[in-house]
Protein backbone atom coordinates (compact mmCIF):
# COMPACT_ATOMS: atom_id res chain seq x y z
CA MET A 1 118.10 61.73 -88.42
CA SER A 2 115.34 61.52 -91.48
CA VAL A 3 112.18 63.26 -90.81
CA ALA A 4 108.93 62.59 -92.51
CA VAL A 5 106.43 65.61 -92.19
CA ILE A 6 102.90 64.70 -92.72
CA THR A 7 99.81 66.80 -92.77
CA GLY A 8 96.31 65.13 -92.07
CA SER A 9 98.26 62.72 -89.82
CA ALA A 10 95.34 61.83 -87.63
CA GLY A 11 93.35 60.82 -90.63
CA LEU A 12 93.05 57.73 -92.53
CA ILE A 13 95.83 58.09 -94.90
CA GLY A 14 97.99 60.26 -92.61
CA SER A 15 98.01 57.70 -89.73
CA GLU A 16 98.71 55.11 -92.04
CA ALA A 17 101.83 56.97 -93.28
CA ALA A 18 102.95 57.55 -89.93
CA ARG A 19 102.87 54.15 -88.68
CA PHE A 20 104.69 53.14 -91.97
CA PHE A 21 107.43 55.54 -91.89
CA ALA A 22 108.13 55.35 -88.50
CA GLY A 23 108.21 51.69 -88.77
CA LEU A 24 110.99 52.29 -91.03
CA GLY A 25 113.33 54.43 -88.19
CA MET A 26 112.15 57.72 -89.38
CA ASP A 27 110.89 60.45 -87.23
CA VAL A 28 107.16 61.47 -88.15
CA VAL A 29 106.21 64.95 -87.64
CA GLY A 30 102.21 64.95 -87.86
CA ILE A 31 100.38 68.36 -88.50
CA ASP A 32 96.69 67.84 -87.79
CA ASN A 33 94.15 70.15 -85.98
CA ASP A 34 91.09 68.02 -86.20
CA MET A 35 89.51 70.25 -88.87
CA ARG A 36 87.50 67.04 -89.89
CA LYS A 37 85.48 67.65 -86.88
CA VAL A 38 84.72 71.18 -87.89
CA PHE A 39 83.55 69.77 -91.39
CA PHE A 40 81.45 66.94 -90.45
CA GLY A 41 80.76 67.13 -86.61
CA ASP A 42 81.76 65.13 -83.65
CA GLU A 43 81.58 61.39 -85.37
CA ALA A 44 84.01 62.70 -87.87
CA SER A 45 86.62 63.82 -85.36
CA THR A 46 90.01 61.89 -85.65
CA SER A 47 91.42 62.72 -81.83
CA TRP A 48 91.05 59.00 -81.10
CA ASN A 49 93.25 58.34 -83.96
CA ARG A 50 96.02 60.92 -82.80
CA LEU A 51 95.81 59.33 -79.36
CA ARG A 52 96.50 55.91 -80.80
CA LEU A 53 99.61 57.18 -82.71
CA GLU A 54 100.84 59.22 -79.65
CA GLN A 55 100.70 56.19 -77.57
CA ASP A 56 101.91 53.52 -79.95
CA LEU A 57 104.77 55.45 -81.65
CA ASP A 58 107.69 56.49 -79.99
CA ARG A 59 109.05 58.49 -83.04
CA TYR A 60 106.01 60.52 -83.48
CA THR A 61 105.63 64.15 -82.68
CA HIS A 62 102.28 65.97 -83.27
CA TYR A 63 101.46 69.59 -83.82
CA ASP A 64 98.00 71.07 -83.70
CA LEU A 65 98.86 73.54 -86.63
CA ASP A 66 96.56 74.83 -89.20
CA ILE A 67 98.02 74.49 -92.56
CA ARG A 68 96.62 77.82 -93.56
CA ALA A 69 98.95 79.51 -91.19
CA TYR A 70 101.98 80.27 -93.06
CA ASP A 71 104.36 81.58 -90.50
CA ALA A 72 103.44 78.47 -88.20
CA ILE A 73 104.30 76.11 -91.11
CA GLU A 74 107.50 77.83 -91.86
CA ARG A 75 108.78 77.95 -88.19
CA LEU A 76 108.10 74.00 -88.14
CA PHE A 77 110.06 73.49 -91.35
CA ALA A 78 112.75 76.09 -90.16
CA ARG A 79 113.04 73.62 -87.08
CA TYR A 80 113.67 70.44 -88.99
CA GLY A 81 115.09 72.04 -92.09
CA ASN A 82 117.00 69.51 -94.46
CA ALA A 83 116.69 66.63 -92.06
CA ILE A 84 113.16 66.51 -93.77
CA SER A 85 113.23 64.05 -96.60
CA LEU A 86 109.64 63.40 -97.13
CA VAL A 87 106.34 65.35 -97.14
CA ILE A 88 103.28 63.68 -97.39
CA HIS A 89 100.45 66.27 -97.86
CA THR A 90 97.13 64.71 -96.85
CA ALA A 91 95.38 67.36 -95.13
CA ALA A 92 92.11 68.75 -97.01
CA GLN A 93 88.22 69.61 -97.19
CA PRO A 94 87.13 66.66 -98.77
CA SER A 95 83.57 67.03 -99.48
CA HIS A 96 81.68 68.37 -102.60
CA ASP A 97 78.67 69.37 -100.53
CA TRP A 98 80.64 71.01 -97.87
CA ALA A 99 82.77 73.21 -100.41
CA ALA A 100 79.40 74.79 -101.41
CA HIS A 101 78.39 75.51 -97.98
CA ASP A 102 81.60 77.53 -97.18
CA PRO A 103 83.92 78.03 -100.62
CA PHE A 104 86.26 80.29 -98.78
CA THR A 105 87.13 77.91 -96.10
CA ASP A 106 87.33 75.14 -98.85
CA PHE A 107 89.77 76.76 -101.00
CA THR A 108 92.09 78.17 -98.33
CA VAL A 109 92.39 74.53 -96.97
CA ASN A 110 92.86 72.90 -100.14
CA ALA A 111 94.69 75.67 -102.27
CA ASN A 112 96.44 78.15 -99.97
CA GLY A 113 97.25 75.46 -97.57
CA THR A 114 98.95 73.25 -100.25
CA LEU A 115 101.11 76.58 -101.36
CA ASN A 116 102.01 77.00 -97.92
CA LEU A 117 103.52 73.59 -97.73
CA LEU A 118 105.15 73.69 -101.07
CA GLN A 119 106.75 76.99 -100.13
CA ALA A 120 108.13 75.77 -96.88
CA THR A 121 109.47 72.84 -98.55
CA ARG A 122 111.31 74.73 -101.34
CA GLU A 123 112.72 77.12 -98.69
CA TYR A 124 113.90 74.67 -95.88
CA CYS A 125 114.00 71.06 -97.70
CA PRO A 126 114.21 71.25 -101.45
CA GLU A 127 115.42 67.75 -101.82
CA ALA A 128 112.59 66.31 -99.95
CA ALA A 129 109.93 64.09 -101.76
CA PHE A 130 106.73 66.01 -101.67
CA ILE A 131 103.55 63.54 -102.12
CA PHE A 132 100.32 65.30 -102.75
CA THR A 133 97.06 63.09 -101.97
CA SER A 134 95.08 64.80 -105.21
CA THR A 135 91.68 63.53 -106.44
CA ASN A 136 89.96 61.81 -109.36
CA LYS A 137 87.64 65.05 -108.90
CA VAL A 138 89.98 66.99 -110.93
CA TYR A 139 88.64 65.56 -114.03
CA GLY A 140 85.29 67.14 -113.09
CA ASP A 141 82.21 65.29 -114.64
CA ARG A 142 84.30 64.59 -117.83
CA PRO A 143 83.99 60.66 -116.98
CA ASN A 144 80.32 60.95 -117.45
CA THR A 145 80.75 61.61 -121.10
CA LEU A 146 82.28 58.04 -121.55
CA PRO A 147 79.97 55.22 -123.45
CA LEU A 148 78.77 53.61 -120.62
CA VAL A 149 76.14 50.66 -120.36
CA GLU A 150 73.64 49.99 -117.79
CA GLN A 151 73.59 46.73 -116.35
CA GLU A 152 71.41 45.15 -113.39
CA ARG A 153 73.61 45.97 -110.38
CA ARG A 154 75.96 48.67 -112.10
CA TRP A 155 76.99 50.84 -114.68
CA GLU A 156 79.99 49.88 -116.89
CA ILE A 157 82.13 51.20 -119.80
CA ASP A 158 81.73 49.47 -122.95
CA ALA A 159 84.14 46.85 -123.21
CA GLY A 160 85.65 48.03 -126.93
CA HIS A 161 86.46 51.51 -125.51
CA ALA A 162 90.10 52.59 -124.90
CA TYR A 163 89.52 53.21 -121.05
CA ALA A 164 88.00 49.86 -120.53
CA GLN A 165 90.81 49.14 -118.23
CA GLY A 166 90.54 52.38 -116.31
CA ILE A 167 90.93 56.13 -116.74
CA PRO A 168 94.34 57.44 -117.47
CA GLU A 169 96.32 60.59 -116.54
CA THR A 170 95.80 61.90 -120.13
CA MET A 171 92.01 62.69 -119.61
CA SER A 172 91.34 66.36 -119.92
CA ILE A 173 90.73 68.51 -116.66
CA ASP A 174 89.25 71.14 -118.75
CA GLN A 175 85.61 72.09 -119.74
CA SER A 176 83.86 70.21 -117.23
CA LYS A 177 82.08 70.66 -114.18
CA HIS A 178 84.18 70.15 -111.11
CA SER A 179 82.16 71.21 -107.92
CA LEU A 180 83.80 73.77 -105.98
CA PHE A 181 85.86 71.26 -104.03
CA GLY A 182 87.18 69.80 -107.47
CA ALA A 183 88.06 73.14 -108.22
CA SER A 184 90.32 73.72 -105.27
CA LYS A 185 91.82 70.49 -105.71
CA VAL A 186 92.73 71.19 -109.14
CA ALA A 187 94.40 74.37 -108.14
CA ALA A 188 96.32 72.49 -105.50
CA ASP A 189 96.91 69.56 -107.86
CA VAL A 190 98.40 72.03 -110.82
CA LEU A 191 100.54 73.98 -107.91
CA VAL A 192 102.09 70.62 -106.97
CA GLN A 193 102.77 70.05 -110.58
CA GLU A 194 104.36 73.52 -111.07
CA TYR A 195 106.72 73.68 -108.26
CA GLY A 196 108.17 70.35 -109.73
CA ARG A 197 108.36 71.79 -113.24
CA TYR A 198 109.69 75.02 -112.04
CA PHE A 199 111.73 74.61 -109.34
CA GLY A 200 112.98 70.98 -109.83
CA MET A 201 111.33 69.60 -107.07
CA LYS A 202 110.57 66.12 -106.66
CA THR A 203 106.66 66.32 -106.57
CA ALA A 204 103.72 63.84 -107.17
CA CYS A 205 100.19 64.16 -107.38
CA PHE A 206 98.31 61.04 -106.44
CA ARG A 207 94.74 61.34 -108.07
CA GLY A 208 92.92 58.92 -105.78
CA GLY A 209 89.64 57.14 -106.48
CA CYS A 210 88.15 55.96 -103.19
CA LEU A 211 90.88 55.92 -100.48
CA THR A 212 89.79 53.83 -97.63
CA GLY A 213 90.71 51.35 -94.51
CA PRO A 214 90.05 50.66 -90.88
CA SER A 215 90.96 54.13 -89.58
CA HIS A 216 88.77 55.64 -91.79
CA ALA A 217 86.28 58.33 -89.99
CA GLY A 218 83.38 57.91 -92.62
CA THR A 219 80.56 59.94 -92.65
CA GLN A 220 77.42 60.76 -95.00
CA LEU A 221 79.64 63.42 -96.92
CA HIS A 222 82.71 61.58 -97.27
CA GLY A 223 83.98 58.20 -96.83
CA PHE A 224 81.94 55.96 -98.73
CA LEU A 225 82.86 52.33 -97.79
CA ALA A 226 83.58 53.31 -94.18
CA TYR A 227 80.51 54.89 -93.82
CA LEU A 228 78.14 52.32 -95.48
CA MET A 229 79.74 49.63 -93.15
CA LYS A 230 78.92 51.65 -90.41
CA CYS A 231 75.45 51.86 -91.08
CA ALA A 232 75.19 48.46 -91.83
CA ALA A 233 76.93 47.48 -88.41
CA THR A 234 74.85 50.29 -86.13
CA GLY A 235 71.49 49.83 -88.33
CA HIS A 236 71.53 53.34 -89.04
CA ARG A 237 69.83 54.36 -92.43
CA TYR A 238 71.98 54.94 -95.46
CA THR A 239 70.97 57.42 -98.38
CA ILE A 240 71.98 56.44 -101.99
CA PHE A 241 72.34 59.90 -104.23
CA GLY A 242 70.98 59.20 -107.53
CA TYR A 243 72.27 56.96 -110.58
CA LYS A 244 70.20 54.15 -109.21
CA GLY A 245 72.75 53.34 -106.99
CA LYS A 246 74.57 51.79 -109.83
CA GLN A 247 77.56 54.06 -109.69
CA VAL A 248 80.69 52.47 -109.58
CA ARG A 249 83.73 53.50 -107.51
CA ASP A 250 87.43 51.71 -107.60
CA ASN A 251 88.55 51.53 -103.72
CA ILE A 252 91.95 51.37 -102.57
CA HIS A 253 93.22 50.09 -99.22
CA SER A 254 95.15 52.94 -97.02
CA ALA A 255 98.08 50.54 -96.78
CA ASP A 256 98.13 49.66 -100.72
CA LEU A 257 98.33 53.64 -101.11
CA ILE A 258 101.03 53.89 -98.54
CA ALA A 259 103.14 51.32 -100.45
CA ALA A 260 102.70 53.57 -103.64
CA PHE A 261 104.00 56.33 -101.71
CA HIS A 262 107.08 54.45 -100.58
CA ALA A 263 107.97 53.41 -103.91
CA PHE A 264 107.89 56.91 -104.90
CA PHE A 265 109.86 57.94 -102.10
CA GLU A 266 112.50 55.34 -102.65
CA ALA A 267 112.87 56.55 -106.46
CA PRO A 268 111.23 59.87 -106.65
CA ARG A 269 110.73 61.60 -109.97
CA VAL A 270 109.80 65.48 -111.06
CA ALA A 271 106.22 66.77 -111.32
CA GLU A 272 104.69 63.25 -111.57
CA VAL A 273 100.79 62.72 -111.92
CA TYR A 274 99.68 59.18 -111.17
CA ASN A 275 95.86 57.93 -111.25
CA ILE A 276 95.75 55.69 -107.86
CA GLY A 277 92.99 53.64 -107.07
CA GLY A 278 91.60 50.10 -106.58
CA GLY A 279 91.59 49.87 -110.57
CA ARG A 280 90.02 46.74 -112.26
CA ALA A 281 91.45 44.90 -109.15
CA SER A 282 89.16 46.58 -106.55
CA HIS A 283 85.78 48.22 -107.60
CA CYS A 284 82.39 47.94 -106.72
CA SER A 285 79.05 49.79 -107.41
CA MET A 286 77.04 51.15 -104.57
CA LEU A 287 74.37 48.38 -104.75
CA GLU A 288 77.10 45.97 -104.93
CA ALA A 289 78.75 47.24 -101.68
CA ILE A 290 75.46 47.14 -99.68
CA ASP A 291 74.99 43.56 -100.68
CA GLN A 292 78.61 42.70 -99.39
CA CYS A 293 77.85 44.86 -96.21
CA ARG A 294 74.94 42.66 -95.76
CA GLU A 295 76.74 39.27 -95.97
CA ILE A 296 79.52 40.48 -93.61
CA THR A 297 77.23 41.89 -90.69
CA GLY A 298 74.58 39.26 -90.94
CA ARG A 299 72.12 42.29 -90.82
CA PRO A 300 69.75 44.10 -93.11
CA LEU A 301 70.96 47.27 -94.44
CA SER A 302 68.17 50.01 -94.56
CA TYR A 303 68.70 52.87 -97.42
CA ILE A 304 66.66 55.47 -98.99
CA TYR A 305 67.22 56.81 -102.50
CA SER A 306 67.25 60.35 -103.89
CA ASP A 307 67.00 61.02 -107.33
CA GLN A 308 69.54 64.13 -107.05
CA HIS A 309 72.95 63.16 -107.65
CA ARG A 310 75.85 65.22 -106.24
CA SER A 311 76.84 67.92 -108.40
CA GLY A 312 80.08 66.82 -110.44
CA ASP A 313 79.80 63.10 -109.16
CA HIS A 314 80.85 60.49 -111.22
CA ILE A 315 78.75 57.58 -112.75
CA TRP A 316 81.62 55.01 -113.55
CA TYR A 317 85.38 55.81 -112.32
CA VAL A 318 88.00 53.00 -112.26
CA SER A 319 91.60 54.20 -112.19
CA ASP A 320 93.89 53.09 -114.83
CA LEU A 321 96.92 52.18 -112.93
CA SER A 322 99.24 51.17 -115.73
CA LYS A 323 101.61 54.40 -115.60
CA PHE A 324 102.26 54.10 -111.95
CA LYS A 325 102.99 50.08 -112.39
CA GLN A 326 105.12 51.14 -115.23
CA HIS A 327 107.29 53.39 -113.14
CA TYR A 328 107.21 51.16 -110.07
CA PRO A 329 106.67 47.63 -111.32
CA ALA A 330 107.06 45.98 -107.88
CA TRP A 331 103.92 47.78 -106.66
CA THR A 332 100.29 46.00 -106.85
CA ILE A 333 97.04 45.97 -105.29
CA THR A 334 96.69 43.46 -102.45
CA ARG A 335 93.29 43.82 -100.96
CA THR A 336 89.99 43.84 -102.90
CA VAL A 337 86.48 45.37 -101.70
CA PRO A 338 85.11 42.49 -99.66
CA GLU A 339 88.55 42.13 -97.79
CA ILE A 340 88.84 45.96 -97.19
CA LEU A 341 84.83 45.79 -96.16
CA GLN A 342 85.65 42.86 -93.57
CA GLU A 343 88.77 44.69 -92.20
CA ILE A 344 86.50 47.77 -91.60
CA TYR A 345 84.13 45.85 -89.97
CA GLU A 346 86.35 43.84 -87.48
CA ALA A 347 88.59 46.92 -86.54
CA ASN A 348 85.68 49.03 -85.56
CA LEU A 349 82.63 47.29 -84.48
CA GLU A 350 83.40 47.70 -80.65
CA ARG A 351 84.22 51.55 -80.96
CA TRP A 352 80.59 51.89 -82.97
CA ALA A 353 78.94 49.90 -80.33
CA ALA A 354 80.45 52.26 -77.53
């Protein structure tokens, strides 16, 4: 028996991982207590996705646990022990704005929760691969110091700059404004690296751009493409925060991210860090995404504009994927932004209408 423990298993990345690794014949242990509903309200609840997992997957077992409670996490890891060959940690408080509202909860979920999982892995299954969904917000607002050029529908980096193909892992995370959310994720990110370096564990931080897909319970405070498409499909008004709506993000489909996780699981390394997103293959500005949503739905998308950008937010961020591709050359991006938006629309239209 080979066991994959997945935190945040009813969320976007967790549920995609659960389906994938169960499909490989692994027993999947899911940990999720629907904290997303606590963070963002009823519309962000992942209970519907949990029910789908339990109905669809014979190899899935769900545990309604809080990752901040080490005693409960320890008991679960002790139960499965060395049968655990993979830990995928996706559970998090993911919003800049929410973190400022409640810094204690943000930090204890993101940092202390990660420490609990690392220590339980070290104690009960030290040979397991440990995959952490970190974030590009660990770089704070340093990407905003890059030489950016304003274009008609987007900001773009100077074509002659060393980062023209994307931002690499060598960018400093120091001396920049992170937001409290970014700071708690930095703490978790460094812990994951240190457990790898200090204890020789097979750990990896995947510093994600915008992670998206049809199972994303997007809200105004988190889930850019999913929430934008929901607004387009339902007629709800969207709010653009700052940068003239020209801010650029790279977007990676959850299936492409899980394929990257699988590549690492098959050939794990110690204390690795990877920038992971859509890269140059899959990125867009806010205004460009709005245009694409209008085209897909055939409906107008109403939005308002606020001059106040979110604290620590990026003007332009595209991931340099070259390091991961060098380590795992068979992996590649398979879905572009228009394809992702089309899939989100088709998969969720009936549920949104209901």
